[in-house]
Amino acid sequence: MTDAKTERRARLCKLFSYYHGSQYASLRADSPAVRSRRPTVVWPGPRLAVDSFVRGLLGTSRRPTFSYAPGGDDDLELEELARGLWTPARDAVRRALATGSGCVTWRRSNGALRFESWDPAAAAATFDADDELVSLDYRLELEPSRWHRELVTRDAWTVYADAADEEGPWAPSASVSHALGFVPAAWIRFGTRMANDGCSIYAGLEGLVDEASFLSSQLARATLVNLEPVIAVTNCATPLDLQKGTVWTLPQGADAKVVESSGSYVAAASSTIDGLTKAFLDAVGLVALDPKQVSGGQSGSALTLLLRPQIERLDELRSELEPALEKIVSQISGRSVRATWGAVVPSTPTDANVATQAAAAAVAALALSRESAMKYLSSYFGVEDAEVEMQKIAEESEADHKKTVELATSAPAWGDAALPEQPRE
């Protein structure tokens, strides 16, 4: 394996270890130096950031829908085609956010679509001048001295017999000539390009994460020590057996004190961790909402203002992810498709109520037609066609009017003779 491959793999694996919290596995737990000792508390900022954006991009209610460009006559068919895509896509996006790149492959097996997420650190991708995939060479170490390899090109998919070394020798065990004319896969990249890879959302912030982890670990240790303090005895020549829960008799002139961390140091550490957390969230584009700012009836418009930096970051990530998703669905369907994203922050009943009141006031003031008001309110109530909805309302109103008339005309006509007699004195 070349030095470039080794360096790339080490870099991607190191970045992904920050997501998993395993970046300090090589440090000793009993090292006396703080920065050489494995932290007992690993600060979870990278995982929090990546998982938050994965949910924002591909959560069940937030992932895009597909339609054939320029129409949308067979959208249901596309939804069925993409049904199995989302789980591997989430894993690929998770890896791309953490390391800069992710990979989703697809194939047909016994008539069914099969999607897979490949570890980008084990996959070598080559591209042509138009940035289209030419090949994927996937070499994964399954266990010590056992390597697996698959090679996917624009014409064939070859699986090799496992070998003892990454460089082989490799002997093909199965090969399928698919003759698609393209590699059945999508390479997902975020951020600044680094050769064929993208850029991790927390690249360059590893030192900040390290500081937060070491501080959090030391703060936890200090708290535990203070909860079970060390007793220091001075001016005592002979060792004492100081048992807990007993009364100690000290020699004349001896003194016993509790050794504990100063509260000022604990407060300083907590304040520093808070500052590091804020700096990290600002850098990756996440917003930590203060519970005091958010009430149970918060409108989507208000949340949008509070979450503006995070929404803008999600919009950037959507624009980078969209071509890869459209490409893989287009490859499967054989037609050009487009992805449509919903609102990052969906409207709430509070939004619908405010919008309805505003529309009603505008109609009453003759500033807006009923049809325009319906079109304005459509997105709040899930109305797909405002004109059809207006027609339904008119039909229901006419039917209610007919019922009212029928009830009025079918009531008995009370004449003077039919009036009940008045009581007499």
Protein backbone atom coordinates (compact mmCIF):
# COMPACT_ATOMS: atom_id res chain seq x y z
CA MET A 1 0.00 0.00 0.00
CA THR A 2 1.35 3.42 -0.98
CA ASP A 3 2.16 6.12 1.57
CA ALA A 4 -0.69 8.27 0.19
CA LYS A 5 -3.22 5.47 0.75
CA THR A 6 -1.86 4.82 4.25
CA GLU A 7 -2.02 8.50 5.16
CA ARG A 8 -5.56 8.89 3.77
CA ARG A 9 -6.86 5.83 5.59
CA ALA A 10 -5.25 6.91 8.87
CA ARG A 11 -6.73 10.41 8.53
CA LEU A 12 -10.28 9.17 7.84
CA CYS A 13 -10.12 6.54 10.59
CA LYS A 14 -8.84 9.15 13.08
CA LEU A 15 -11.70 11.52 12.21
CA PHE A 16 -14.26 8.74 12.56
CA SER A 17 -12.80 7.74 15.92
CA TYR A 18 -13.80 11.20 17.22
CA TYR A 19 -17.39 10.39 16.29
CA HIS A 20 -17.24 7.05 18.12
CA GLY A 21 -15.32 8.49 21.09
CA SER A 22 -12.48 5.98 20.65
CA GLN A 23 -9.76 8.52 19.79
CA TYR A 24 -7.96 7.97 23.10
CA ALA A 25 -7.88 4.16 23.01
CA SER A 26 -4.09 4.13 22.60
CA LEU A 27 -3.50 6.14 25.79
CA ARG A 28 -2.79 4.44 29.12
CA ALA A 29 -5.42 4.68 31.83
CA ASP A 30 -2.78 4.89 34.60
CA SER A 31 -0.44 7.47 33.09
CA PRO A 32 0.53 10.15 35.66
CA ALA A 33 0.49 13.00 33.08
CA VAL A 34 -2.99 14.36 32.36
CA ARG A 35 -2.55 14.60 28.60
CA SER A 36 -1.02 11.14 28.37
CA ARG A 37 -3.77 9.55 30.48
CA ARG A 38 -6.86 8.13 28.82
CA PRO A 39 -9.84 10.36 29.72
CA THR A 40 -12.57 8.70 31.73
CA VAL A 41 -15.06 11.13 30.16
CA VAL A 42 -14.98 11.63 26.38
CA TRP A 43 -16.70 14.85 25.36
CA PRO A 44 -19.44 13.89 22.85
CA GLY A 45 -19.50 17.07 20.71
CA PRO A 46 -18.60 15.39 17.37
CA ARG A 47 -21.26 12.70 17.76
CA LEU A 48 -23.86 15.28 18.81
CA ALA A 49 -23.12 17.42 15.74
CA VAL A 50 -23.08 14.56 13.23
CA ASP A 51 -26.23 12.85 14.52
CA SER A 52 -28.11 16.17 14.68
CA PHE A 53 -27.37 16.88 11.03
CA VAL A 54 -28.15 13.30 9.95
CA ARG A 55 -31.59 13.64 11.54
CA GLY A 56 -32.02 17.06 9.94
CA LEU A 57 -31.11 15.71 6.49
CA LEU A 58 -32.59 12.21 6.43
CA GLY A 59 -34.97 11.95 9.37
CA THR A 60 -38.24 10.19 8.57
CA SER A 61 -40.17 13.45 8.27
CA ARG A 62 -37.32 15.50 6.77
CA ARG A 63 -35.77 13.42 4.00
CA PRO A 64 -36.53 14.50 0.43
CA THR A 65 -39.15 13.14 -1.93
CA PHE A 66 -38.38 12.38 -5.56
CA SER A 67 -40.28 13.18 -8.74
CA TYR A 68 -39.52 12.71 -12.40
CA ALA A 69 -38.32 15.94 -13.94
CA PRO A 70 -40.15 18.02 -14.96
CA GLY A 71 -43.40 16.28 -13.97
CA GLY A 72 -44.42 14.14 -11.04
CA ASP A 73 -46.77 11.56 -12.51
CA ASP A 74 -45.04 8.50 -11.05
CA ASP A 75 -43.88 9.77 -7.66
CA LEU A 76 -45.24 6.68 -5.87
CA GLU A 77 -43.05 4.45 -8.01
CA LEU A 78 -39.99 6.48 -7.03
CA GLU A 79 -40.86 6.24 -3.35
CA GLU A 80 -41.00 2.46 -3.70
CA LEU A 81 -37.62 2.43 -5.48
CA ALA A 82 -36.02 4.54 -2.74
CA ARG A 83 -37.59 2.60 0.15
CA GLY A 84 -34.46 0.59 0.92
CA LEU A 85 -32.09 3.50 0.32
CA TRP A 86 -32.56 5.45 3.53
CA THR A 87 -30.83 3.22 6.12
CA PRO A 88 -27.55 2.88 4.17
CA ALA A 89 -27.85 6.52 3.07
CA ARG A 90 -27.99 7.63 6.71
CA ASP A 91 -24.84 5.63 7.47
CA ALA A 92 -23.05 7.06 4.41
CA VAL A 93 -24.06 10.62 5.33
CA ARG A 94 -22.93 9.99 8.91
CA ARG A 95 -19.51 8.93 7.63
CA ALA A 96 -19.36 11.83 5.17
CA LEU A 97 -20.12 14.37 7.90
CA ALA A 98 -17.52 12.80 10.20
CA THR A 99 -14.76 12.12 7.67
CA GLY A 100 -15.67 14.14 4.58
CA SER A 101 -16.76 11.24 2.34
CA GLY A 102 -19.37 8.49 2.23
CA CYS A 103 -20.35 5.87 -0.31
CA VAL A 104 -23.65 4.17 -1.22
CA THR A 105 -23.70 1.29 -3.71
CA TRP A 106 -26.66 -0.56 -5.21
CA ARG A 107 -27.25 -3.78 -7.10
CA ARG A 108 -30.10 -6.09 -8.02
CA SER A 109 -30.07 -9.46 -6.31
CA ASN A 110 -32.78 -12.02 -7.15
CA GLY A 111 -34.94 -9.24 -8.54
CA ALA A 112 -34.68 -7.07 -5.42
CA LEU A 113 -32.72 -3.87 -4.95
CA ARG A 114 -29.89 -4.05 -2.44
CA PHE A 115 -28.23 -0.90 -1.09
CA GLU A 116 -25.01 -0.83 0.93
CA SER A 117 -22.94 1.81 2.70
CA TRP A 118 -19.22 1.31 2.17
CA ASP A 119 -16.53 2.58 4.52
CA PRO A 120 -14.84 5.40 2.55
CA ALA A 121 -11.53 4.69 4.29
CA ALA A 122 -11.53 1.25 2.64
CA ALA A 123 -12.76 2.46 -0.77
CA ALA A 124 -10.54 4.05 -3.40
CA ALA A 125 -12.63 6.08 -5.86
CA THR A 126 -11.45 7.32 -9.23
CA PHE A 127 -13.19 10.04 -11.24
CA ASP A 128 -13.07 11.34 -14.80
CA ALA A 129 -12.68 14.96 -15.91
CA ASP A 130 -16.44 15.52 -15.39
CA ASP A 131 -16.22 14.31 -11.78
CA GLU A 132 -18.11 11.12 -12.62
CA LEU A 133 -17.14 7.85 -10.95
CA VAL A 134 -14.93 5.60 -13.07
CA SER A 135 -14.32 2.85 -10.51
CA LEU A 136 -14.53 1.86 -6.85
CA ASP A 137 -11.85 -0.41 -5.42
CA TYR A 138 -13.04 -1.64 -2.00
CA ARG A 139 -10.49 -3.42 0.22
CA LEU A 140 -11.62 -4.12 3.77
CA GLU A 141 -9.65 -5.87 6.50
CA LEU A 142 -12.18 -8.32 7.97
CA GLU A 143 -9.73 -9.62 10.58
CA PRO A 144 -5.94 -9.83 10.94
CA SER A 145 -4.44 -11.34 7.76
CA ARG A 146 -7.82 -11.55 6.02
CA TRP A 147 -8.77 -8.97 3.43
CA HIS A 148 -11.93 -8.68 1.32
CA ARG A 149 -11.97 -6.94 -2.06
CA GLU A 150 -14.64 -5.81 -4.55
CA LEU A 151 -13.97 -3.83 -7.73
CA VAL A 152 -16.83 -1.94 -9.38
CA THR A 153 -16.37 -0.32 -12.79
CA ARG A 154 -18.72 1.10 -15.40
CA ASP A 155 -19.04 -2.34 -17.00
CA ALA A 156 -18.53 -5.01 -14.33
CA TRP A 157 -18.69 -5.86 -10.63
CA THR A 158 -15.98 -8.27 -9.48
CA VAL A 159 -15.67 -9.97 -6.09
CA TYR A 160 -12.32 -11.52 -5.21
CA ALA A 161 -11.45 -14.41 -2.95
CA ASP A 162 -10.20 -13.19 0.42
CA ALA A 163 -6.45 -12.68 0.64
CA ALA A 164 -3.93 -12.50 3.47
CA ASP A 165 -2.65 -9.06 2.45
CA GLU A 166 -4.20 -5.89 1.07
CA GLU A 167 -2.02 -6.14 -2.03
CA GLY A 168 -3.09 -9.72 -2.72
CA PRO A 169 -2.49 -11.75 -4.71
CA TRP A 170 -6.15 -11.37 -5.71
CA ALA A 171 -8.07 -14.04 -7.58
CA PRO A 172 -11.60 -13.25 -8.87
CA SER A 173 -14.24 -15.50 -7.31
CA ALA A 174 -17.30 -13.98 -9.02
CA SER A 175 -17.89 -11.31 -11.62
CA VAL A 176 -21.00 -9.79 -13.20
CA SER A 177 -20.89 -7.81 -16.42
CA HIS A 178 -23.66 -5.26 -15.78
CA ALA A 179 -22.84 -3.06 -18.82
CA LEU A 180 -24.67 -0.09 -17.29
CA GLY A 181 -22.16 2.42 -18.57
CA PHE A 182 -21.79 3.93 -15.08
CA VAL A 183 -20.68 2.84 -11.64
CA PRO A 184 -23.84 1.87 -9.66
CA ALA A 185 -22.95 4.01 -6.68
CA ALA A 186 -22.90 7.56 -5.33
CA TRP A 187 -19.88 9.17 -3.65
CA ILE A 188 -21.05 11.70 -1.04
CA ARG A 189 -18.81 14.63 -0.15
CA PHE A 190 -19.28 17.64 2.10
CA GLY A 191 -17.24 20.80 2.45
CA THR A 192 -13.92 21.68 0.85
CA ARG A 193 -12.54 19.07 -1.55
CA MET A 194 -9.36 17.28 -0.54
CA ALA A 195 -8.42 15.21 -3.61
CA ASN A 196 -11.38 12.82 -3.97
CA ASP A 197 -12.64 13.38 -0.43
CA GLY A 198 -14.63 16.14 1.24
CA CYS A 199 -14.03 17.73 4.63
CA SER A 200 -15.30 16.65 8.06
CA ILE A 201 -17.64 19.14 9.73
CA TYR A 202 -15.33 19.15 12.76
CA ALA A 203 -12.02 19.10 10.88
CA GLY A 204 -9.61 21.42 12.66
CA LEU A 205 -11.59 21.23 15.89
CA GLU A 206 -9.94 18.08 17.21
CA GLY A 207 -7.77 20.08 19.64
CA LEU A 208 -10.87 21.77 21.04
CA VAL A 209 -12.51 18.36 21.52
CA ASP A 210 -9.38 17.08 23.26
CA GLU A 211 -9.36 20.03 25.67
CA ALA A 212 -13.04 19.50 26.50
CA SER A 213 -12.49 15.77 27.06
CA PHE A 214 -9.45 16.18 29.35
CA LEU A 215 -11.16 18.96 31.30
CA SER A 216 -14.41 16.98 31.66
CA SER A 217 -12.44 13.96 32.82
CA GLN A 218 -10.43 15.93 35.39
CA LEU A 219 -13.60 17.66 36.61
CA ALA A 220 -15.27 14.28 37.11
CA ARG A 221 -12.20 12.98 38.98
CA ALA A 222 -12.12 16.06 41.22
CA THR A 223 -15.80 15.65 42.05
CA LEU A 224 -15.32 11.97 42.97
CA VAL A 225 -12.26 12.79 45.10
CA ASN A 226 -14.18 15.46 46.97
CA LEU A 227 -17.02 13.03 47.59
CA GLU A 228 -14.52 10.58 49.08
CA PRO A 229 -11.77 12.91 50.40
CA VAL A 230 -8.21 12.03 51.33
CA ILE A 231 -7.15 12.63 54.97
CA ALA A 232 -3.70 14.15 55.50
CA VAL A 233 -2.09 13.86 58.95
CA THR A 234 0.79 16.16 59.85
CA ASN A 235 3.28 16.20 62.77
CA CYS A 236 2.91 12.46 63.35
CA ALA A 237 6.03 10.29 63.32
CA THR A 238 4.28 6.90 63.42
CA PRO A 239 1.79 5.67 60.76
CA LEU A 240 -1.84 5.66 61.87
CA ASP A 241 -4.54 3.22 60.86
CA LEU A 242 -7.31 5.71 60.05
CA GLN A 243 -10.46 3.66 59.63
CA LYS A 244 -13.63 5.29 58.40
CA GLY A 245 -16.48 5.58 60.83
CA THR A 246 -14.21 5.56 63.88
CA VAL A 247 -12.87 8.17 66.30
CA TRP A 248 -9.18 8.84 65.73
CA THR A 249 -6.76 9.59 68.54
CA LEU A 250 -3.88 11.70 67.25
CA PRO A 251 -0.58 12.28 69.07
CA GLN A 252 -0.09 15.63 70.73
CA GLY A 253 0.77 18.27 68.15
CA ALA A 254 -0.54 16.20 65.21
CA ASP A 255 -3.23 17.53 62.90
CA ALA A 256 -5.58 15.96 60.33
CA LYS A 257 -6.97 17.81 57.31
CA VAL A 258 -9.15 16.94 54.35
CA VAL A 259 -7.41 17.26 50.96
CA GLU A 260 -9.90 18.41 48.33
CA SER A 261 -10.04 20.44 45.14
CA SER A 262 -10.72 24.12 45.54
CA GLY A 263 -14.19 25.17 44.49
CA SER A 264 -12.69 27.97 42.40
CA TYR A 265 -10.81 25.47 40.23
CA VAL A 266 -13.95 23.40 39.71
CA ALA A 267 -15.89 26.52 38.70
CA ALA A 268 -13.09 27.57 36.34
CA ALA A 269 -13.06 24.14 34.69
CA SER A 270 -16.85 24.18 34.28
CA SER A 271 -16.74 27.67 32.77
CA THR A 272 -13.99 26.64 30.34
CA ILE A 273 -15.95 23.58 29.22
CA ASP A 274 -19.00 25.79 28.62
CA GLY A 275 -16.87 28.13 26.52
CA LEU A 276 -15.39 25.27 24.49
CA THR A 277 -18.87 23.84 23.92
CA LYS A 278 -20.17 27.16 22.60
CA ALA A 279 -17.14 27.59 20.34
CA PHE A 280 -17.59 24.08 18.92
CA LEU A 281 -21.33 24.48 18.28
CA ASP A 282 -20.76 27.85 16.61
CA ALA A 283 -18.04 26.38 14.38
CA VAL A 284 -20.14 23.43 13.14
CA GLY A 285 -23.35 25.47 12.85
CA LEU A 286 -25.46 23.98 15.64
CA VAL A 287 -27.73 26.01 17.92
CA ALA A 288 -28.28 24.97 21.54
CA LEU A 289 -31.68 26.36 22.47
CA ASP A 290 -32.19 27.68 25.97
CA PRO A 291 -35.30 25.98 27.41
CA LYS A 292 -36.36 29.39 28.73
CA GLN A 293 -36.56 30.64 25.14
CA VAL A 294 -38.82 27.84 23.93
CA SER A 295 -42.37 27.43 25.18
CA GLY A 296 -44.81 24.63 24.49
CA GLY A 297 -46.77 26.74 22.00
CA GLN A 298 -43.74 28.10 20.13
CA SER A 299 -44.51 28.87 16.49
CA GLY A 300 -42.44 27.47 13.65
CA SER A 301 -41.65 31.05 12.57
CA ALA A 302 -40.19 31.86 15.99
CA LEU A 303 -38.16 28.63 16.02
CA THR A 304 -36.87 29.44 12.55
CA LEU A 305 -35.48 32.74 13.82
CA LEU A 306 -33.88 31.06 16.84
CA LEU A 307 -32.40 28.26 14.71
CA ARG A 308 -31.33 30.42 11.75
CA PRO A 309 -27.57 29.50 11.85
CA GLN A 310 -28.42 25.79 12.03
CA ILE A 311 -31.02 26.06 9.25
CA GLU A 312 -28.53 27.85 7.00
CA ARG A 313 -25.97 25.10 7.65
CA LEU A 314 -28.56 22.43 6.87
CA ASP A 315 -29.44 24.20 3.61
CA GLU A 316 -25.75 24.07 2.64
CA LEU A 317 -25.55 20.37 3.47
CA ARG A 318 -28.77 19.66 1.55
CA SER A 319 -27.38 21.32 -1.57
CA GLU A 320 -24.25 19.15 -1.35
CA LEU A 321 -26.15 15.92 -0.66
CA GLU A 322 -28.92 16.44 -3.22
CA PRO A 323 -26.89 15.58 -6.39
CA ALA A 324 -25.74 12.26 -4.92
CA LEU A 325 -29.28 11.22 -3.95
CA GLU A 326 -30.71 12.29 -7.32
CA LYS A 327 -27.94 10.42 -9.12
CA ILE A 328 -28.51 7.09 -7.41
CA VAL A 329 -32.32 7.22 -7.84
CA SER A 330 -31.88 8.28 -11.48
CA GLN A 331 -29.52 5.36 -12.07
CA ILE A 332 -32.09 2.90 -10.73
CA SER A 333 -35.14 4.39 -12.45
CA GLY A 334 -33.39 5.11 -15.74
CA ARG A 335 -34.90 8.61 -15.84
CA SER A 336 -33.90 12.04 -14.64
CA VAL A 337 -35.32 12.81 -11.18
CA ARG A 338 -35.26 15.72 -8.82
CA ALA A 339 -35.33 15.83 -5.03
CA THR A 340 -37.70 18.12 -3.13
CA TRP A 341 -37.03 19.01 0.49
CA GLY A 342 -39.58 20.08 3.06
CA ALA A 343 -39.22 22.81 5.64
CA VAL A 344 -36.46 22.29 8.19
CA VAL A 345 -38.83 23.53 10.90
CA PRO A 346 -42.41 22.44 10.09
CA SER A 347 -45.29 24.77 10.82
CA THR A 348 -47.09 24.29 14.13
CA PRO A 349 -50.77 24.71 15.11
CA THR A 350 -49.77 28.14 16.40
CA ASP A 351 -48.58 29.11 12.91
CA ALA A 352 -51.77 27.77 11.31
CA ASN A 353 -53.96 29.66 13.78
CA VAL A 354 -52.14 32.96 13.25
CA ALA A 355 -52.18 32.51 9.45
CA THR A 356 -55.91 31.71 9.45
CA GLN A 357 -56.73 34.80 11.47
CA ALA A 358 -54.63 36.97 9.17
CA ALA A 359 -56.24 35.51 6.03
CA ALA A 360 -59.77 35.91 7.44
CA ALA A 361 -59.06 39.54 8.35
CA ALA A 362 -57.69 40.23 4.86
CA VAL A 363 -60.75 38.68 3.19
CA ALA A 364 -63.12 40.64 5.45
CA ALA A 365 -61.28 43.86 4.61
CA LEU A 366 -61.60 43.06 0.87
CA ALA A 367 -57.79 43.05 0.66
CA LEU A 368 -57.62 39.40 -0.44
CA SER A 369 -59.87 37.07 -2.42
CA ARG A 370 -61.07 33.80 -0.90
CA GLU A 371 -59.09 31.86 -3.49
CA SER A 372 -55.86 33.72 -2.70
CA ALA A 373 -56.50 33.18 1.01
CA MET A 374 -56.94 29.45 0.37
CA LYS A 375 -53.68 29.29 -1.59
CA TYR A 376 -51.93 31.11 1.27
CA LEU A 377 -53.29 28.65 3.85
CA SER A 378 -52.73 25.50 1.76
CA SER A 379 -49.25 24.76 3.11
CA TYR A 380 -50.46 25.02 6.73
CA PHE A 381 -53.26 22.47 6.29
CA GLY A 382 -51.72 20.11 3.74
CA VAL A 383 -53.98 21.20 0.87
CA GLU A 384 -52.44 20.14 -2.44
CA ASP A 385 -54.80 21.98 -4.82
CA ALA A 386 -56.41 25.21 -3.61
CA GLU A 387 -58.94 25.35 -6.49
CA VAL A 388 -60.18 21.81 -5.83
CA GLU A 389 -60.44 22.60 -2.12
CA MET A 390 -62.48 25.74 -2.90
CA GLN A 391 -64.85 23.65 -5.03
CA LYS A 392 -65.29 21.13 -2.20
CA ILE A 393 -66.05 23.93 0.26
CA ALA A 394 -68.63 25.37 -2.13
CA GLU A 395 -70.30 21.96 -2.59
CA GLU A 396 -70.38 21.32 1.16
CA SER A 397 -71.80 24.80 1.78
CA GLU A 398 -74.51 24.25 -0.83
CA ALA A 399 -75.40 20.86 0.64
CA ASP A 400 -75.67 22.37 4.15
CA HIS A 401 -77.93 25.13 2.76
CA LYS A 402 -80.24 22.58 1.12
CA LYS A 403 -80.56 20.66 4.37
CA THR A 404 -81.47 23.86 6.20
CA VAL A 405 -84.15 24.70 3.61
CA GLU A 406 -85.57 21.16 3.72
CA LEU A 407 -85.84 21.26 7.49
CA ALA A 408 -87.59 24.63 7.35
CA THR A 409 -90.16 23.58 4.70
CA SER A 410 -90.95 20.20 6.23
CA ALA A 411 -91.82 21.64 9.69
CA PRO A 412 -95.60 21.55 10.60
CA ALA A 413 -97.55 24.76 9.88
CA TRP A 414 -99.16 25.88 13.09
CA GLY A 415 -102.45 27.75 12.56
CA ASP A 416 -104.42 29.67 15.17
CA ALA A 417 -106.58 26.62 15.88
CA ALA A 418 -103.58 24.54 16.57
CA LEU A 419 -102.13 26.84 19.17
CA PRO A 420 -102.29 25.39 22.70
CA GLU A 421 -105.01 26.82 24.92
CA GLN A 422 -103.95 29.42 27.41
CA PRO A 423 -104.60 28.54 31.04
CA ARG A 424 -107.66 30.21 32.58
CA GLU A 425 -108.01 31.60 36.04
